[in-house]
Amino acid sequence: MNLLMIDNYDSFTYNLVHYIEGNPYKAGIKVVTPDQLNDKLIDDFNIIGLIISPGPSHPEDRPEVLQFIEKYYKELPVLGICLGHQMLWHMFGGEVSRGERPVHGHVSDVYHNKEGLYKDLPSPLAGCRYHSLACSGELSDFNITGRTEDGINMAIQHKRYPIFGVQYHPEAVLSEHGRAQLNNFIRIAVEESHESTYEV
C-alpha cells in the first residue's frame, strides 16, 4: 500500500517524503508531478491516499491536479498542504486570494480541535507558514479545524469525506508535531483501506 504525493514543483516536497518514510504503518510513497498524473497510478501502486504538496502559484494554475482530486476524493483520503490546502478550498467553491501580507518562515500558534490530523496532540501547536495566498470565508462542506489566534484559516476537514488541509508546513523544522500529524493522516488512510494488520 502506498500514498500518492503530487509534487507541485516545490522544494519542500522531499522533506515531506522524508517525514512520511518510516511511518509506523509501513505505507510507502510514490511521488509524481502534475504532468505525470494518470488513472493507472491508483491500481499499479495500490494507492490508499493522496497528498497534495505545497508549491508556487494559485490553485487555478494547476487544473490537472484539481481534476485528479475531483475524480478521486470520494474514494481516497486526501491531505492538502499549503497550496494543496488552497486547492481543496478552491475546488469546493471557497475564496483563495492574497492575504493581508505574505508570510515566509513565520511561525504561528495553531488552535485546533484535537481531532482528525490533531488526534492526541496539544492545542495550540506551532505551524511554520510560507504563503502569500489565504483561504477566506466559510464553506458548508468543511469545518475549519485550526486557526491562528487572529482567526486565519490554518486547517480544514471535510464534513463527510476524509479530506484534510493545512495551510502551514508540518515538515518544517519550526513546526511542532508535524510527523505526528502526517502519521495521523496515514492512520486514517490505512483504516479507510482496510488493508493493514496493525492496530490503528
N, C-alpha and C. Protein backbone atom coordinates (compact mmCIF):
# COMPACT_ATOMS: atom_id res chain seq x y z
N MET A 1 0.85 -1.19 0.00
CA MET A 1 0.00 0.00 0.00
C MET A 1 0.88 1.24 0.00
N ASN A 2 0.44 2.24 -0.76
CA ASN A 2 1.24 3.45 -0.93
C ASN A 2 0.37 4.69 -0.89
N LEU A 3 1.00 5.78 -0.52
CA LEU A 3 0.40 7.10 -0.67
C LEU A 3 0.91 7.70 -1.98
N LEU A 4 0.08 8.49 -2.63
CA LEU A 4 0.50 9.19 -3.84
C LEU A 4 0.70 10.66 -3.50
N MET A 5 1.94 11.12 -3.63
CA MET A 5 2.28 12.52 -3.40
C MET A 5 2.32 13.24 -4.75
N ILE A 6 1.47 14.24 -4.91
CA ILE A 6 1.50 15.08 -6.11
C ILE A 6 2.41 16.26 -5.82
N ASP A 7 3.54 16.29 -6.47
CA ASP A 7 4.56 17.31 -6.24
C ASP A 7 4.31 18.51 -7.15
N ASN A 8 3.87 19.61 -6.57
CA ASN A 8 3.58 20.83 -7.32
C ASN A 8 4.86 21.66 -7.53
N TYR A 9 5.93 20.94 -7.84
CA TYR A 9 7.22 21.58 -8.18
C TYR A 9 7.70 22.46 -7.02
N ASP A 10 7.73 21.85 -5.82
CA ASP A 10 8.09 22.61 -4.63
C ASP A 10 9.34 22.04 -3.99
N SER A 11 10.16 22.93 -3.45
CA SER A 11 11.42 22.50 -2.83
C SER A 11 11.20 21.76 -1.51
N PHE A 12 10.00 21.86 -0.93
CA PHE A 12 9.71 21.19 0.33
C PHE A 12 9.25 19.74 0.15
N THR A 13 8.95 19.34 -1.07
CA THR A 13 8.30 18.05 -1.27
C THR A 13 9.08 16.90 -0.66
N TYR A 14 10.38 16.86 -0.86
CA TYR A 14 11.13 15.70 -0.37
C TYR A 14 11.40 15.76 1.13
N ASN A 15 11.23 16.94 1.75
CA ASN A 15 11.19 16.97 3.21
C ASN A 15 9.94 16.24 3.70
N LEU A 16 8.83 16.44 3.00
CA LEU A 16 7.61 15.71 3.34
C LEU A 16 7.79 14.21 3.16
N VAL A 17 8.40 13.84 2.04
CA VAL A 17 8.64 12.42 1.77
C VAL A 17 9.47 11.80 2.89
N HIS A 18 10.50 12.52 3.33
CA HIS A 18 11.36 12.03 4.40
C HIS A 18 10.56 11.82 5.69
N TYR A 19 9.65 12.73 6.00
CA TYR A 19 8.82 12.59 7.20
C TYR A 19 7.90 11.38 7.09
N ILE A 20 7.42 11.09 5.89
CA ILE A 20 6.46 10.01 5.71
C ILE A 20 7.14 8.65 5.69
N GLU A 21 8.34 8.60 5.15
CA GLU A 21 9.08 7.34 5.13
C GLU A 21 9.33 6.87 6.56
N GLY A 22 9.21 5.60 6.77
CA GLY A 22 9.41 5.05 8.11
C GLY A 22 8.21 5.21 9.02
N ASN A 23 7.03 5.53 8.43
CA ASN A 23 5.83 5.66 9.25
C ASN A 23 5.49 4.31 9.89
N PRO A 24 4.82 4.31 11.04
CA PRO A 24 4.57 3.05 11.77
C PRO A 24 3.63 2.10 11.05
N TYR A 25 2.96 2.53 10.00
CA TYR A 25 2.01 1.69 9.29
C TYR A 25 2.62 1.04 8.05
N LYS A 26 3.90 1.34 7.81
CA LYS A 26 4.65 0.76 6.69
C LYS A 26 4.03 1.08 5.33
N ALA A 27 3.38 2.23 5.24
CA ALA A 27 2.87 2.69 3.94
C ALA A 27 4.03 3.30 3.15
N GLY A 28 4.13 2.95 1.88
CA GLY A 28 5.14 3.54 1.02
C GLY A 28 4.64 4.84 0.42
N ILE A 29 5.47 5.45 -0.41
CA ILE A 29 5.07 6.71 -1.04
C ILE A 29 5.58 6.77 -2.47
N LYS A 30 4.71 7.17 -3.38
CA LYS A 30 5.04 7.35 -4.78
C LYS A 30 4.87 8.83 -5.09
N VAL A 31 5.91 9.46 -5.66
CA VAL A 31 5.88 10.89 -5.96
C VAL A 31 5.76 11.10 -7.46
N VAL A 32 4.79 11.93 -7.85
CA VAL A 32 4.63 12.28 -9.27
C VAL A 32 4.41 13.78 -9.39
N THR A 33 4.76 14.33 -10.53
CA THR A 33 4.46 15.73 -10.82
C THR A 33 3.11 15.81 -11.55
N PRO A 34 2.50 16.99 -11.62
CA PRO A 34 1.18 17.10 -12.26
C PRO A 34 1.11 16.53 -13.67
N ASP A 35 2.18 16.69 -14.45
CA ASP A 35 2.15 16.19 -15.83
C ASP A 35 2.23 14.66 -15.91
N GLN A 36 2.53 14.01 -14.78
CA GLN A 36 2.61 12.54 -14.76
C GLN A 36 1.34 11.87 -14.25
N LEU A 37 0.34 12.64 -13.89
CA LEU A 37 -0.87 12.06 -13.33
C LEU A 37 -1.63 11.23 -14.36
N ASN A 38 -2.03 10.04 -13.95
CA ASN A 38 -2.88 9.20 -14.80
C ASN A 38 -3.59 8.18 -13.92
N ASP A 39 -4.67 7.64 -14.41
CA ASP A 39 -5.51 6.74 -13.62
C ASP A 39 -4.82 5.43 -13.27
N LYS A 40 -3.86 5.01 -14.07
CA LYS A 40 -3.18 3.73 -13.80
C LYS A 40 -2.42 3.76 -12.49
N LEU A 41 -2.00 4.93 -12.07
CA LEU A 41 -1.23 5.05 -10.83
C LEU A 41 -1.96 4.44 -9.64
N ILE A 42 -3.27 4.63 -9.58
CA ILE A 42 -4.04 4.22 -8.41
C ILE A 42 -3.96 2.70 -8.20
N ASP A 43 -4.15 1.94 -9.26
CA ASP A 43 -4.11 0.48 -9.15
C ASP A 43 -2.68 -0.05 -9.19
N ASP A 44 -1.84 0.51 -10.05
CA ASP A 44 -0.48 -0.01 -10.21
C ASP A 44 0.33 0.09 -8.92
N PHE A 45 0.05 1.12 -8.12
CA PHE A 45 0.83 1.32 -6.90
C PHE A 45 -0.01 1.14 -5.63
N ASN A 46 -1.20 0.55 -5.79
CA ASN A 46 -2.06 0.27 -4.63
C ASN A 46 -2.18 1.50 -3.73
N ILE A 47 -2.65 2.59 -4.32
CA ILE A 47 -2.71 3.87 -3.62
C ILE A 47 -3.86 3.88 -2.62
N ILE A 48 -3.57 4.30 -1.38
CA ILE A 48 -4.59 4.37 -0.34
C ILE A 48 -4.90 5.81 0.09
N GLY A 49 -4.16 6.79 -0.42
CA GLY A 49 -4.42 8.18 -0.06
C GLY A 49 -3.61 9.12 -0.93
N LEU A 50 -4.09 10.36 -1.05
CA LEU A 50 -3.43 11.39 -1.86
C LEU A 50 -2.90 12.48 -0.95
N ILE A 51 -1.69 12.93 -1.24
CA ILE A 51 -1.12 14.10 -0.56
C ILE A 51 -0.78 15.13 -1.63
N ILE A 52 -1.32 16.32 -1.47
CA ILE A 52 -1.10 17.40 -2.44
C ILE A 52 -0.08 18.35 -1.85
N SER A 53 1.07 18.47 -2.48
CA SER A 53 2.19 19.19 -1.90
C SER A 53 2.01 20.71 -1.96
N PRO A 54 2.87 21.42 -1.23
CA PRO A 54 2.98 22.86 -1.45
C PRO A 54 3.48 23.16 -2.86
N GLY A 55 3.54 24.43 -3.18
CA GLY A 55 4.06 24.83 -4.48
C GLY A 55 3.74 26.29 -4.76
N PRO A 56 4.34 26.84 -5.79
CA PRO A 56 4.06 28.23 -6.17
C PRO A 56 2.72 28.34 -6.91
N SER A 57 2.27 29.53 -7.10
CA SER A 57 1.11 29.85 -7.93
C SER A 57 -0.22 29.72 -7.20
N HIS A 58 -1.30 29.92 -7.96
CA HIS A 58 -2.68 29.87 -7.48
C HIS A 58 -3.27 28.51 -7.84
N PRO A 59 -4.22 28.00 -7.05
CA PRO A 59 -4.85 26.72 -7.41
C PRO A 59 -5.35 26.65 -8.85
N GLU A 60 -5.84 27.76 -9.38
CA GLU A 60 -6.36 27.76 -10.75
C GLU A 60 -5.28 27.42 -11.78
N ASP A 61 -4.01 27.59 -11.41
CA ASP A 61 -2.91 27.32 -12.34
C ASP A 61 -2.56 25.84 -12.42
N ARG A 62 -3.24 24.99 -11.66
CA ARG A 62 -2.98 23.55 -11.66
C ARG A 62 -4.27 22.78 -11.97
N PRO A 63 -4.88 23.02 -13.15
CA PRO A 63 -6.16 22.36 -13.44
C PRO A 63 -6.07 20.85 -13.48
N GLU A 64 -4.92 20.30 -13.92
CA GLU A 64 -4.79 18.85 -13.99
C GLU A 64 -4.81 18.22 -12.60
N VAL A 65 -4.26 18.92 -11.61
CA VAL A 65 -4.30 18.42 -10.23
C VAL A 65 -5.71 18.51 -9.68
N LEU A 66 -6.37 19.62 -9.91
CA LEU A 66 -7.75 19.78 -9.45
C LEU A 66 -8.66 18.71 -10.04
N GLN A 67 -8.48 18.40 -11.32
CA GLN A 67 -9.30 17.38 -11.97
C GLN A 67 -9.03 16.00 -11.36
N PHE A 68 -7.78 15.72 -11.03
CA PHE A 68 -7.43 14.43 -10.44
C PHE A 68 -8.05 14.29 -9.05
N ILE A 69 -7.94 15.34 -8.24
CA ILE A 69 -8.55 15.31 -6.91
C ILE A 69 -10.07 15.13 -7.04
N GLU A 70 -10.66 15.88 -7.95
CA GLU A 70 -12.11 15.81 -8.17
C GLU A 70 -12.55 14.38 -8.49
N LYS A 71 -11.72 13.68 -9.22
CA LYS A 71 -12.06 12.32 -9.65
C LYS A 71 -11.99 11.32 -8.49
N TYR A 72 -11.06 11.55 -7.53
CA TYR A 72 -10.78 10.50 -6.55
C TYR A 72 -11.12 10.85 -5.10
N TYR A 73 -11.57 12.07 -4.82
CA TYR A 73 -11.72 12.44 -3.41
C TYR A 73 -12.81 11.65 -2.68
N LYS A 74 -13.75 11.07 -3.42
CA LYS A 74 -14.79 10.27 -2.77
C LYS A 74 -14.32 8.84 -2.51
N GLU A 75 -13.18 8.47 -3.10
CA GLU A 75 -12.66 7.11 -2.95
C GLU A 75 -11.44 7.03 -2.04
N LEU A 76 -10.65 8.10 -1.99
CA LEU A 76 -9.37 8.07 -1.29
C LEU A 76 -9.26 9.26 -0.34
N PRO A 77 -8.71 9.05 0.87
CA PRO A 77 -8.42 10.19 1.75
C PRO A 77 -7.44 11.15 1.06
N VAL A 78 -7.60 12.43 1.35
CA VAL A 78 -6.77 13.47 0.73
C VAL A 78 -6.23 14.40 1.81
N LEU A 79 -4.94 14.72 1.69
CA LEU A 79 -4.33 15.74 2.54
C LEU A 79 -3.68 16.78 1.65
N GLY A 80 -4.11 18.03 1.79
CA GLY A 80 -3.52 19.13 1.05
C GLY A 80 -2.66 19.99 1.98
N ILE A 81 -1.47 20.33 1.54
CA ILE A 81 -0.54 21.13 2.35
C ILE A 81 -0.21 22.42 1.62
N CYS A 82 -0.43 23.55 2.27
CA CYS A 82 -0.16 24.88 1.73
C CYS A 82 -0.94 25.08 0.42
N LEU A 83 -0.29 25.04 -0.74
CA LEU A 83 -1.04 25.14 -2.00
C LEU A 83 -2.10 24.04 -2.07
N GLY A 84 -1.78 22.84 -1.60
CA GLY A 84 -2.75 21.74 -1.60
C GLY A 84 -3.98 22.07 -0.76
N HIS A 85 -3.77 22.70 0.37
CA HIS A 85 -4.86 23.18 1.23
C HIS A 85 -5.74 24.17 0.46
N GLN A 86 -5.09 25.11 -0.22
CA GLN A 86 -5.81 26.11 -1.00
C GLN A 86 -6.56 25.47 -2.18
N MET A 87 -5.97 24.44 -2.78
CA MET A 87 -6.65 23.74 -3.88
C MET A 87 -7.97 23.13 -3.41
N LEU A 88 -7.95 22.52 -2.24
CA LEU A 88 -9.18 21.91 -1.73
C LEU A 88 -10.25 22.97 -1.48
N TRP A 89 -9.85 24.07 -0.87
CA TRP A 89 -10.79 25.15 -0.58
C TRP A 89 -11.38 25.71 -1.88
N HIS A 90 -10.50 25.93 -2.86
CA HIS A 90 -10.92 26.46 -4.16
C HIS A 90 -11.84 25.47 -4.89
N MET A 91 -11.50 24.20 -4.85
CA MET A 91 -12.25 23.18 -5.58
C MET A 91 -13.70 23.10 -5.10
N PHE A 92 -13.91 23.33 -3.80
CA PHE A 92 -15.26 23.26 -3.25
C PHE A 92 -15.96 24.62 -3.22
N GLY A 93 -15.37 25.59 -3.92
CA GLY A 93 -16.05 26.86 -4.08
C GLY A 93 -15.61 27.98 -3.17
N GLY A 94 -14.55 27.76 -2.38
CA GLY A 94 -14.08 28.79 -1.46
C GLY A 94 -13.20 29.83 -2.14
N GLU A 95 -13.03 30.94 -1.46
CA GLU A 95 -12.21 32.03 -2.00
C GLU A 95 -10.76 31.88 -1.54
N VAL A 96 -9.85 31.94 -2.52
CA VAL A 96 -8.41 31.95 -2.25
C VAL A 96 -7.85 33.24 -2.86
N SER A 97 -7.34 34.09 -2.01
CA SER A 97 -6.87 35.39 -2.50
C SER A 97 -5.65 35.84 -1.69
N ARG A 98 -5.06 36.94 -2.08
CA ARG A 98 -3.88 37.45 -1.37
C ARG A 98 -4.24 37.77 0.07
N GLY A 99 -3.38 37.30 0.98
CA GLY A 99 -3.57 37.63 2.38
C GLY A 99 -3.19 39.08 2.65
N GLU A 100 -3.38 39.50 3.89
CA GLU A 100 -3.04 40.88 4.25
C GLU A 100 -1.56 41.15 4.02
N ARG A 101 -0.74 40.14 4.24
CA ARG A 101 0.69 40.26 3.99
C ARG A 101 1.26 38.87 3.74
N PRO A 102 2.29 38.76 2.90
CA PRO A 102 2.92 37.45 2.71
C PRO A 102 3.66 37.02 3.97
N VAL A 103 3.65 35.74 4.24
CA VAL A 103 4.38 35.19 5.39
C VAL A 103 5.32 34.10 4.89
N HIS A 104 6.58 34.24 5.19
CA HIS A 104 7.58 33.28 4.74
C HIS A 104 8.52 32.95 5.89
N GLY A 105 8.29 31.76 6.46
CA GLY A 105 9.06 31.36 7.63
C GLY A 105 8.49 31.90 8.93
N HIS A 106 7.25 32.37 8.87
CA HIS A 106 6.58 32.92 10.06
C HIS A 106 5.93 31.78 10.85
N VAL A 107 6.15 31.76 12.15
CA VAL A 107 5.58 30.71 12.99
C VAL A 107 4.36 31.26 13.73
N SER A 108 3.25 30.57 13.60
CA SER A 108 2.01 30.96 14.29
C SER A 108 1.54 29.83 15.18
N ASP A 109 0.92 30.18 16.29
CA ASP A 109 0.21 29.18 17.10
C ASP A 109 -1.07 28.79 16.37
N VAL A 110 -1.28 27.49 16.22
CA VAL A 110 -2.48 26.98 15.57
C VAL A 110 -3.37 26.35 16.65
N TYR A 111 -4.53 26.94 16.83
CA TYR A 111 -5.51 26.44 17.80
C TYR A 111 -6.45 25.49 17.06
N HIS A 112 -6.48 24.24 17.50
CA HIS A 112 -7.18 23.21 16.72
C HIS A 112 -8.18 22.43 17.59
N ASN A 113 -8.89 21.52 16.93
CA ASN A 113 -9.99 20.81 17.58
C ASN A 113 -9.60 19.46 18.17
N LYS A 114 -8.33 19.08 18.09
CA LYS A 114 -7.81 17.83 18.68
C LYS A 114 -8.44 16.57 18.06
N GLU A 115 -8.92 16.70 16.83
CA GLU A 115 -9.49 15.55 16.12
C GLU A 115 -8.80 15.39 14.77
N GLY A 116 -9.05 14.24 14.12
CA GLY A 116 -8.50 14.02 12.78
C GLY A 116 -6.98 14.07 12.77
N LEU A 117 -6.40 15.02 12.04
CA LEU A 117 -4.95 15.17 12.00
C LEU A 117 -4.37 15.49 13.36
N TYR A 118 -5.20 16.02 14.25
CA TYR A 118 -4.71 16.53 15.54
C TYR A 118 -5.01 15.59 16.70
N LYS A 119 -5.38 14.37 16.40
CA LYS A 119 -5.69 13.42 17.47
C LYS A 119 -4.49 13.26 18.39
N ASP A 120 -4.72 13.39 19.69
CA ASP A 120 -3.71 13.22 20.74
C ASP A 120 -2.61 14.29 20.71
N LEU A 121 -2.88 15.42 20.09
CA LEU A 121 -1.88 16.49 20.02
C LEU A 121 -2.35 17.71 20.81
N PRO A 122 -1.40 18.46 21.40
CA PRO A 122 -1.78 19.63 22.20
C PRO A 122 -2.23 20.79 21.32
N SER A 123 -3.08 21.62 21.88
CA SER A 123 -3.52 22.85 21.21
C SER A 123 -3.25 24.03 22.16
N PRO A 124 -2.58 25.08 21.67
CA PRO A 124 -2.13 25.25 20.28
C PRO A 124 -0.82 24.52 20.02
N LEU A 125 -0.47 24.41 18.74
CA LEU A 125 0.85 23.94 18.34
C LEU A 125 1.40 24.90 17.29
N ALA A 126 2.70 24.93 17.15
CA ALA A 126 3.33 25.88 16.22
C ALA A 126 3.26 25.36 14.80
N GLY A 127 2.88 26.24 13.88
CA GLY A 127 2.88 25.93 12.45
C GLY A 127 3.70 26.95 11.70
N CYS A 128 4.67 26.49 10.92
CA CYS A 128 5.53 27.39 10.17
C CYS A 128 4.91 27.66 8.80
N ARG A 129 4.70 28.92 8.49
CA ARG A 129 3.91 29.33 7.32
C ARG A 129 4.80 29.94 6.24
N TYR A 130 4.51 29.55 5.00
CA TYR A 130 5.16 30.10 3.80
C TYR A 130 4.07 30.32 2.75
N HIS A 131 3.39 31.44 2.78
CA HIS A 131 2.33 31.64 1.80
C HIS A 131 1.98 33.12 1.67
N SER A 132 1.55 33.49 0.47
CA SER A 132 1.04 34.83 0.23
C SER A 132 -0.47 34.81 -0.03
N LEU A 133 -0.99 33.64 -0.41
CA LEU A 133 -2.44 33.46 -0.60
C LEU A 133 -3.05 32.88 0.67
N ALA A 134 -4.34 33.11 0.86
CA ALA A 134 -5.02 32.58 2.04
C ALA A 134 -6.45 32.19 1.68
N CYS A 135 -6.98 31.22 2.42
CA CYS A 135 -8.37 30.80 2.26
C CYS A 135 -9.24 31.65 3.18
N SER A 136 -10.29 32.22 2.62
CA SER A 136 -11.14 33.10 3.43
C SER A 136 -12.58 32.63 3.42
N GLY A 137 -13.35 33.15 4.35
CA GLY A 137 -14.76 32.82 4.44
C GLY A 137 -15.00 31.45 5.06
N GLU A 138 -16.18 30.92 4.82
CA GLU A 138 -16.60 29.62 5.32
C GLU A 138 -17.13 28.80 4.14
N LEU A 139 -17.11 27.47 4.29
CA LEU A 139 -17.71 26.58 3.30
C LEU A 139 -18.62 25.60 4.01
N SER A 140 -19.78 25.32 3.42
CA SER A 140 -20.71 24.40 4.06
C SER A 140 -20.18 22.98 4.11
N ASP A 141 -19.25 22.63 3.18
CA ASP A 141 -18.72 21.26 3.13
C ASP A 141 -17.62 21.01 4.16
N PHE A 142 -17.03 22.06 4.71
CA PHE A 142 -15.85 21.91 5.56
C PHE A 142 -16.04 22.52 6.93
N ASN A 143 -15.40 21.90 7.92
CA ASN A 143 -15.15 22.53 9.20
C ASN A 143 -13.75 23.13 9.16
N ILE A 144 -13.61 24.34 9.68
CA ILE A 144 -12.27 24.90 9.88
C ILE A 144 -11.79 24.40 11.22
N THR A 145 -10.80 23.52 11.19
CA THR A 145 -10.38 22.80 12.40
C THR A 145 -9.16 23.40 13.07
N GLY A 146 -8.53 24.38 12.42
CA GLY A 146 -7.39 25.05 13.02
C GLY A 146 -7.35 26.50 12.58
N ARG A 147 -7.07 27.39 13.53
CA ARG A 147 -6.96 28.83 13.22
C ARG A 147 -5.81 29.43 14.01
N THR A 148 -5.29 30.55 13.48
CA THR A 148 -4.35 31.34 14.25
C THR A 148 -5.13 32.09 15.33
N GLU A 149 -4.37 32.74 16.22
CA GLU A 149 -5.02 33.50 17.29
C GLU A 149 -5.94 34.59 16.75
N ASP A 150 -5.57 35.15 15.57
CA ASP A 150 -6.43 36.19 14.98
C ASP A 150 -7.41 35.63 13.95
N GLY A 151 -7.62 34.30 13.96
CA GLY A 151 -8.72 33.72 13.22
C GLY A 151 -8.45 33.29 11.79
N ILE A 152 -7.18 33.31 11.34
CA ILE A 152 -6.87 32.92 9.97
C ILE A 152 -6.99 31.40 9.82
N ASN A 153 -7.61 30.98 8.74
CA ASN A 153 -7.82 29.56 8.44
C ASN A 153 -6.48 28.84 8.26
N MET A 154 -6.20 27.90 9.16
CA MET A 154 -4.96 27.13 9.10
C MET A 154 -5.18 25.65 8.85
N ALA A 155 -6.41 25.16 9.03
CA ALA A 155 -6.66 23.73 8.82
C ALA A 155 -8.14 23.50 8.57
N ILE A 156 -8.42 22.53 7.70
CA ILE A 156 -9.80 22.20 7.34
C ILE A 156 -10.00 20.69 7.33
N GLN A 157 -11.24 20.29 7.53
CA GLN A 157 -11.63 18.88 7.41
C GLN A 157 -13.02 18.82 6.80
N HIS A 158 -13.16 18.00 5.77
CA HIS A 158 -14.46 17.84 5.12
C HIS A 158 -15.44 17.19 6.09
N LYS A 159 -16.71 17.57 6.00
CA LYS A 159 -17.71 17.06 6.93
C LYS A 159 -18.15 15.63 6.63
N ARG A 160 -17.92 15.18 5.38
CA ARG A 160 -18.38 13.83 5.00
C ARG A 160 -17.24 12.89 4.65
N TYR A 161 -16.25 13.39 3.93
CA TYR A 161 -15.15 12.54 3.44
C TYR A 161 -13.87 12.84 4.22
N PRO A 162 -12.93 11.86 4.25
CA PRO A 162 -11.65 12.09 4.96
C PRO A 162 -10.70 12.96 4.12
N ILE A 163 -11.05 14.24 4.04
CA ILE A 163 -10.28 15.22 3.29
C ILE A 163 -9.81 16.29 4.27
N PHE A 164 -8.51 16.54 4.26
CA PHE A 164 -7.90 17.44 5.22
C PHE A 164 -6.97 18.43 4.51
N GLY A 165 -6.84 19.60 5.07
CA GLY A 165 -5.88 20.57 4.55
C GLY A 165 -5.23 21.34 5.68
N VAL A 166 -3.95 21.66 5.51
CA VAL A 166 -3.25 22.54 6.45
C VAL A 166 -2.53 23.62 5.65
N GLN A 167 -2.64 24.86 6.10
CA GLN A 167 -2.01 25.96 5.38
C GLN A 167 -0.51 26.04 5.65
N TYR A 168 -0.09 25.65 6.84
CA TYR A 168 1.32 25.70 7.22
C TYR A 168 2.04 24.44 6.74
N HIS A 169 3.34 24.39 6.99
CA HIS A 169 4.16 23.25 6.56
C HIS A 169 4.48 22.36 7.75
N PRO A 170 3.82 21.21 7.90
CA PRO A 170 4.11 20.34 9.04
C PRO A 170 5.53 19.78 9.01
N GLU A 171 6.14 19.74 7.82
CA GLU A 171 7.50 19.18 7.70
C GLU A 171 8.59 20.21 8.03
N ALA A 172 8.22 21.47 8.22
CA ALA A 172 9.20 22.50 8.54
C ALA A 172 9.76 22.28 9.95
N VAL A 173 11.04 22.58 10.12
CA VAL A 173 11.70 22.36 11.41
C VAL A 173 11.01 23.13 12.53
N LEU A 174 10.51 24.32 12.22
CA LEU A 174 9.91 25.16 13.25
C LEU A 174 8.46 24.78 13.57
N SER A 175 7.86 23.88 12.79
CA SER A 175 6.52 23.39 13.11
C SER A 175 6.61 22.31 14.18
N GLU A 176 5.59 22.25 15.03
CA GLU A 176 5.57 21.24 16.09
C GLU A 176 4.66 20.08 15.71
N HIS A 177 5.09 18.88 16.08
CA HIS A 177 4.30 17.65 15.91
C HIS A 177 3.92 17.39 14.45
N GLY A 178 4.78 17.82 13.52
CA GLY A 178 4.50 17.62 12.11
C GLY A 178 4.45 16.16 11.72
N ARG A 179 5.39 15.39 12.21
CA ARG A 179 5.40 13.96 11.88
C ARG A 179 4.16 13.27 12.43
N ALA A 180 3.74 13.66 13.61
CA ALA A 180 2.54 13.06 14.21
C ALA A 180 1.29 13.40 13.40
N GLN A 181 1.21 14.62 12.87
CA GLN A 181 0.07 15.00 12.04
C GLN A 181 0.03 14.16 10.77
N LEU A 182 1.19 13.99 10.15
CA LEU A 182 1.25 13.16 8.94
C LEU A 182 0.91 11.72 9.25
N ASN A 183 1.40 11.21 10.39
CA ASN A 183 1.08 9.83 10.77
C ASN A 183 -0.40 9.67 11.06
N ASN A 184 -1.03 10.70 11.60
CA ASN A 184 -2.48 10.62 11.81
C ASN A 184 -3.21 10.51 10.48
N PHE A 185 -2.75 11.23 9.47
CA PHE A 185 -3.37 11.10 8.15
C PHE A 185 -3.14 9.69 7.59
N ILE A 186 -1.92 9.18 7.73
CA ILE A 186 -1.64 7.83 7.22
C ILE A 186 -2.50 6.81 7.94
N ARG A 187 -2.66 6.97 9.25
CA ARG A 187 -3.52 6.06 10.01
C ARG A 187 -4.94 6.06 9.45
N ILE A 188 -5.45 7.25 9.18
CA ILE A 188 -6.81 7.37 8.62
C ILE A 188 -6.87 6.69 7.25
N ALA A 189 -5.85 6.89 6.42
CA ALA A 189 -5.84 6.27 5.09
C ALA A 189 -5.79 4.75 5.20
N VAL A 190 -5.01 4.26 6.15
CA VAL A 190 -4.92 2.80 6.35
C VAL A 190 -6.25 2.25 6.84
N GLU A 191 -6.86 2.95 7.78
CA GLU A 191 -8.17 2.50 8.27
C GLU A 191 -9.20 2.44 7.14
N GLU A 192 -9.17 3.46 6.29
CA GLU A 192 -10.12 3.52 5.17
C GLU A 192 -9.86 2.40 4.16
N SER A 193 -8.62 2.00 4.02
CA SER A 193 -8.27 0.99 3.02
C SER A 193 -8.59 -0.43 3.48
N HIS A 194 -8.72 -0.63 4.81
CA HIS A 194 -8.98 -1.96 5.37
C HIS A 194 -7.90 -2.95 4.98
N GLU A 195 -6.67 -2.49 4.83
CA GLU A 195 -5.61 -3.37 4.37
C GLU A 195 -4.54 -3.65 5.41
N SER A 196 -4.60 -2.97 6.53
CA SER A 196 -3.49 -3.07 7.48
C SER A 196 -3.75 -4.16 8.51
N THR A 197 -2.68 -4.81 8.95
CA THR A 197 -2.78 -5.76 10.05
C THR A 197 -2.41 -5.09 11.36
N TYR A 198 -2.11 -3.78 11.31
CA TYR A 198 -1.74 -3.03 12.51
C TYR A 198 -2.97 -2.60 13.27
N GLU A 199 -2.78 -2.37 14.57
CA GLU A 199 -3.83 -1.76 15.36
C GLU A 199 -3.78 -0.27 15.11
N VAL A 200 -4.81 0.26 14.52
CA VAL A 200 -4.86 1.69 14.25
C VAL A 200 -6.13 2.27 14.86
